[in-house]
Amino acid sequence: MHLRNLHLWVQSQNRESHHAMKVSAEICPQCDGTGWKSVSMDSERRVTRCDCRLQARGRALLTGARIPKRYEHCELSNFEFDGPHRLLANARMAACRFVEEYPVDNTGLLIIGSIGVGKTHLAVGIIKELIISKGIACLFYDYRELLKQIQNSYNDSVKATELDVLRPVFETEVLGSTNWGL
């Protein structure tokens, strides 16, 4: 998708100086920056969300998902399940099926296995795929890190309450969490 630039002049004022600063913003040629594009369905003209807006939402959801840097490379498509890992093919198929069939009624997916087999890779891959392909808000938490944040909320110098820490967990549509020690 090619974007054309819109140049704006922003005047910055402070006590010592007045100056103008050039700011560049990209405008989508499909929607002219409105976020909506026209589509023809049979003989009717309708509007739908523009791809630029959907992509921006996906990027925002990915950022908000709290995926640690060390797992950013994890995707369902690059999960290795051949050779010595061929027994993991069923786990990858279950993860792909979960994404494909989501939303499912009152069920989740529990991935259990030994250390280092790829449970977190699959969890992150599921989150990323749900965000990218379906626009579902997801959140990733390492259980140990969440527990530390909850414990820290009891520190008088911290301004967050336990509910403040847990609210995003309660409100997200999909929670991917690891290291529960089950």
Protein backbone atom coordinates (compact mmCIF):
# COMPACT_ATOMS: atom_id res chain seq x y z
CA MET A 1 0.00 0.00 0.00
CA HIS A 2 1.48 3.34 -1.02
CA LEU A 3 0.95 6.27 1.30
CA ARG A 4 1.34 9.87 0.28
CA ASN A 5 2.70 12.42 2.70
CA LEU A 6 0.75 15.28 4.17
CA HIS A 7 2.98 18.05 5.43
CA LEU A 8 1.74 20.18 8.30
CA TRP A 9 3.31 23.23 9.79
CA VAL A 10 3.15 23.29 13.56
CA GLN A 11 4.01 26.48 15.37
CA SER A 12 5.79 25.98 18.66
CA GLN A 13 5.68 28.84 21.09
CA ASN A 14 7.67 29.37 24.23
CA ARG A 15 8.95 32.46 26.03
CA GLU A 16 12.31 32.62 24.25
CA SER A 17 11.47 31.84 20.64
CA HIS A 18 8.83 31.35 18.02
CA HIS A 19 9.59 28.84 15.29
CA ALA A 20 7.77 26.60 12.85
CA MET A 21 8.40 22.88 12.62
CA LYS A 22 7.54 20.67 9.65
CA VAL A 23 5.64 17.51 10.62
CA SER A 24 4.99 14.75 8.12
CA ALA A 25 1.97 12.44 8.36
CA GLU A 26 1.09 9.64 5.98
CA ILE A 27 -2.31 9.64 4.30
CA CYS A 28 -3.72 6.44 2.86
CA PRO A 29 -4.66 6.82 -0.82
CA GLN A 30 -7.55 4.34 -0.47
CA CYS A 31 -9.43 6.24 2.22
CA ASP A 32 -7.76 9.67 2.22
CA GLY A 33 -7.15 9.28 5.95
CA THR A 34 -10.77 8.67 6.95
CA GLY A 35 -10.30 4.99 7.82
CA TRP A 36 -13.22 4.03 5.55
CA LYS A 37 -13.20 2.87 1.93
CA SER A 38 -16.01 2.41 -0.55
CA VAL A 39 -16.88 -1.06 -1.76
CA SER A 40 -19.42 -2.20 -4.31
CA MET A 41 -21.66 -5.11 -3.41
CA ASP A 42 -23.94 -6.11 -6.26
CA SER A 43 -25.48 -2.80 -7.27
CA GLU A 44 -25.00 -1.13 -3.88
CA ARG A 45 -22.13 1.01 -2.71
CA ARG A 46 -21.13 0.57 0.91
CA VAL A 47 -18.23 1.48 3.14
CA THR A 48 -15.97 -0.76 5.12
CA ARG A 49 -12.94 -0.24 7.34
CA CYS A 50 -9.87 0.51 5.30
CA ASP A 51 -6.93 -1.87 5.43
CA CYS A 52 -4.75 0.93 6.83
CA ARG A 53 -7.02 1.24 9.88
CA LEU A 54 -7.14 -2.54 10.37
CA GLN A 55 -3.35 -2.73 10.17
CA ALA A 56 -2.98 0.14 12.64
CA ARG A 57 -5.38 -1.60 15.04
CA GLY A 58 -3.40 -4.83 14.70
CA ARG A 59 -0.14 -3.03 15.50
CA ALA A 60 -1.74 -1.36 18.52
CA LEU A 61 -3.15 -4.67 19.77
CA LEU A 62 0.24 -6.37 19.32
CA THR A 63 1.93 -3.62 21.30
CA GLY A 64 -0.71 -3.83 24.02
CA ALA A 65 -0.44 -7.63 24.23
CA ARG A 66 2.69 -7.38 26.41
CA ILE A 67 4.65 -9.99 24.46
CA PRO A 68 8.22 -9.93 25.81
CA LYS A 69 10.99 -9.15 23.31
CA ARG A 70 12.48 -12.62 23.67
CA TYR A 71 9.23 -14.11 22.27
CA GLU A 72 8.48 -11.57 19.52
CA HIS A 73 9.78 -14.01 16.88
CA CYS A 74 7.33 -16.73 17.96
CA GLU A 75 4.57 -17.57 15.48
CA LEU A 76 2.55 -20.65 14.74
CA SER A 77 4.09 -20.72 11.26
CA ASN A 78 7.65 -21.05 12.58
CA PHE A 79 6.96 -23.59 15.33
CA GLU A 80 9.21 -26.57 14.63
CA PHE A 81 7.54 -29.93 14.86
CA ASP A 82 9.51 -32.13 12.48
CA GLY A 83 12.50 -34.36 13.06
CA PRO A 84 13.02 -34.94 16.79
CA HIS A 85 10.02 -32.68 17.53
CA ARG A 86 7.48 -34.58 15.42
CA LEU A 87 5.44 -35.49 18.51
CA LEU A 88 4.69 -31.77 18.89
CA ALA A 89 2.72 -31.72 15.63
CA ASN A 90 -0.49 -32.44 17.54
CA ALA A 91 0.10 -29.47 19.85
CA ARG A 92 0.63 -27.17 16.87
CA MET A 93 -2.49 -28.52 15.15
CA ALA A 94 -4.52 -27.91 18.34
CA ALA A 95 -3.17 -24.34 18.51
CA CYS A 96 -4.03 -23.69 14.86
CA ARG A 97 -7.48 -25.21 15.32
CA PHE A 98 -8.08 -23.02 18.38
CA VAL A 99 -7.29 -19.89 16.33
CA GLU A 100 -9.32 -21.06 13.35
CA GLU A 101 -12.40 -21.91 15.42
CA TYR A 102 -12.17 -18.94 17.78
CA PRO A 103 -14.43 -17.81 19.35
CA VAL A 104 -15.45 -21.10 20.88
CA ASP A 105 -18.08 -21.48 23.56
CA ASN A 106 -16.75 -21.31 27.12
CA THR A 107 -13.58 -23.23 26.42
CA GLY A 108 -9.93 -22.41 26.40
CA LEU A 109 -6.74 -24.23 25.57
CA LEU A 110 -4.33 -25.62 28.15
CA ILE A 111 -0.88 -26.56 26.84
CA ILE A 112 1.09 -28.82 29.15
CA GLY A 113 4.59 -30.16 28.58
CA SER A 114 8.17 -30.39 29.73
CA ILE A 115 10.45 -27.38 29.99
CA GLY A 116 11.69 -26.14 26.62
CA VAL A 117 9.28 -27.95 24.30
CA GLY A 118 7.60 -24.79 22.99
CA LYS A 119 4.53 -24.10 25.14
CA THR A 120 5.28 -20.38 25.31
CA HIS A 121 6.07 -20.30 21.59
CA LEU A 122 2.63 -21.76 20.88
CA ALA A 123 0.89 -19.39 23.33
CA VAL A 124 2.52 -16.33 21.76
CA GLY A 125 1.81 -17.70 18.28
CA ILE A 126 -1.87 -18.08 19.17
CA ILE A 127 -2.02 -14.54 20.56
CA LYS A 128 -0.33 -13.03 17.52
CA GLU A 129 -2.52 -14.94 15.08
CA LEU A 130 -5.74 -14.00 16.89
CA ILE A 131 -4.68 -10.35 16.84
CA ILE A 132 -3.52 -10.28 13.22
CA SER A 133 -6.16 -12.46 11.59
CA LYS A 134 -9.20 -11.72 13.76
CA GLY A 135 -8.49 -8.42 15.52
CA ILE A 136 -9.02 -10.01 18.95
CA ALA A 137 -7.59 -8.19 21.96
CA CYS A 138 -5.15 -10.53 23.74
CA LEU A 139 -2.77 -10.25 26.64
CA PHE A 140 0.34 -12.25 27.54
CA TYR A 141 1.57 -12.69 31.10
CA ASP A 142 4.24 -14.80 32.65
CA TYR A 143 2.56 -15.99 35.84
CA ARG A 144 5.65 -15.26 37.94
CA GLU A 145 5.80 -11.67 36.67
CA LEU A 146 2.09 -11.16 37.32
CA LEU A 147 2.49 -12.53 40.85
CA LYS A 148 5.39 -10.10 41.47
CA GLN A 149 3.23 -7.19 40.27
CA ILE A 150 0.37 -8.27 42.54
CA GLN A 151 2.73 -8.59 45.51
CA ASN A 152 4.25 -5.21 44.71
CA SER A 153 0.80 -3.60 44.74
CA TYR A 154 0.78 -4.13 48.53
CA ASN A 155 3.84 -1.89 48.86
CA ASP A 156 2.69 1.46 50.28
CA SER A 157 4.94 3.42 47.91
CA VAL A 158 3.31 1.86 44.85
CA LYS A 159 0.24 3.69 43.62
CA ALA A 160 -1.34 0.60 41.97
CA THR A 161 -3.82 -1.59 43.76
CA GLU A 162 -4.19 -5.33 43.28
CA LEU A 163 -7.29 -4.63 41.20
CA ASP A 164 -5.35 -2.14 39.06
CA VAL A 165 -2.84 -4.89 38.30
CA LEU A 166 -5.48 -7.53 37.62
CA ARG A 167 -8.02 -5.38 35.73
CA PRO A 168 -6.35 -5.90 32.31
CA VAL A 169 -6.22 -9.65 32.99
CA PHE A 170 -9.93 -9.73 33.84
CA GLU A 171 -10.95 -7.52 30.93
CA THR A 172 -8.96 -9.01 28.07
CA GLU A 173 -10.73 -11.36 25.72
CA VAL A 174 -7.84 -13.83 25.47
CA LEU A 175 -5.16 -14.33 28.11
CA GLY A 176 -2.01 -16.27 27.32
CA SER A 177 -0.13 -17.12 30.48
CA THR A 178 2.89 -19.28 31.13
CA ASN A 179 4.82 -20.86 33.99
CA TRP A 180 1.95 -21.75 36.27
CA GLY A 181 3.95 -24.66 37.67
CA LEU A 182 1.15 -27.17 37.19
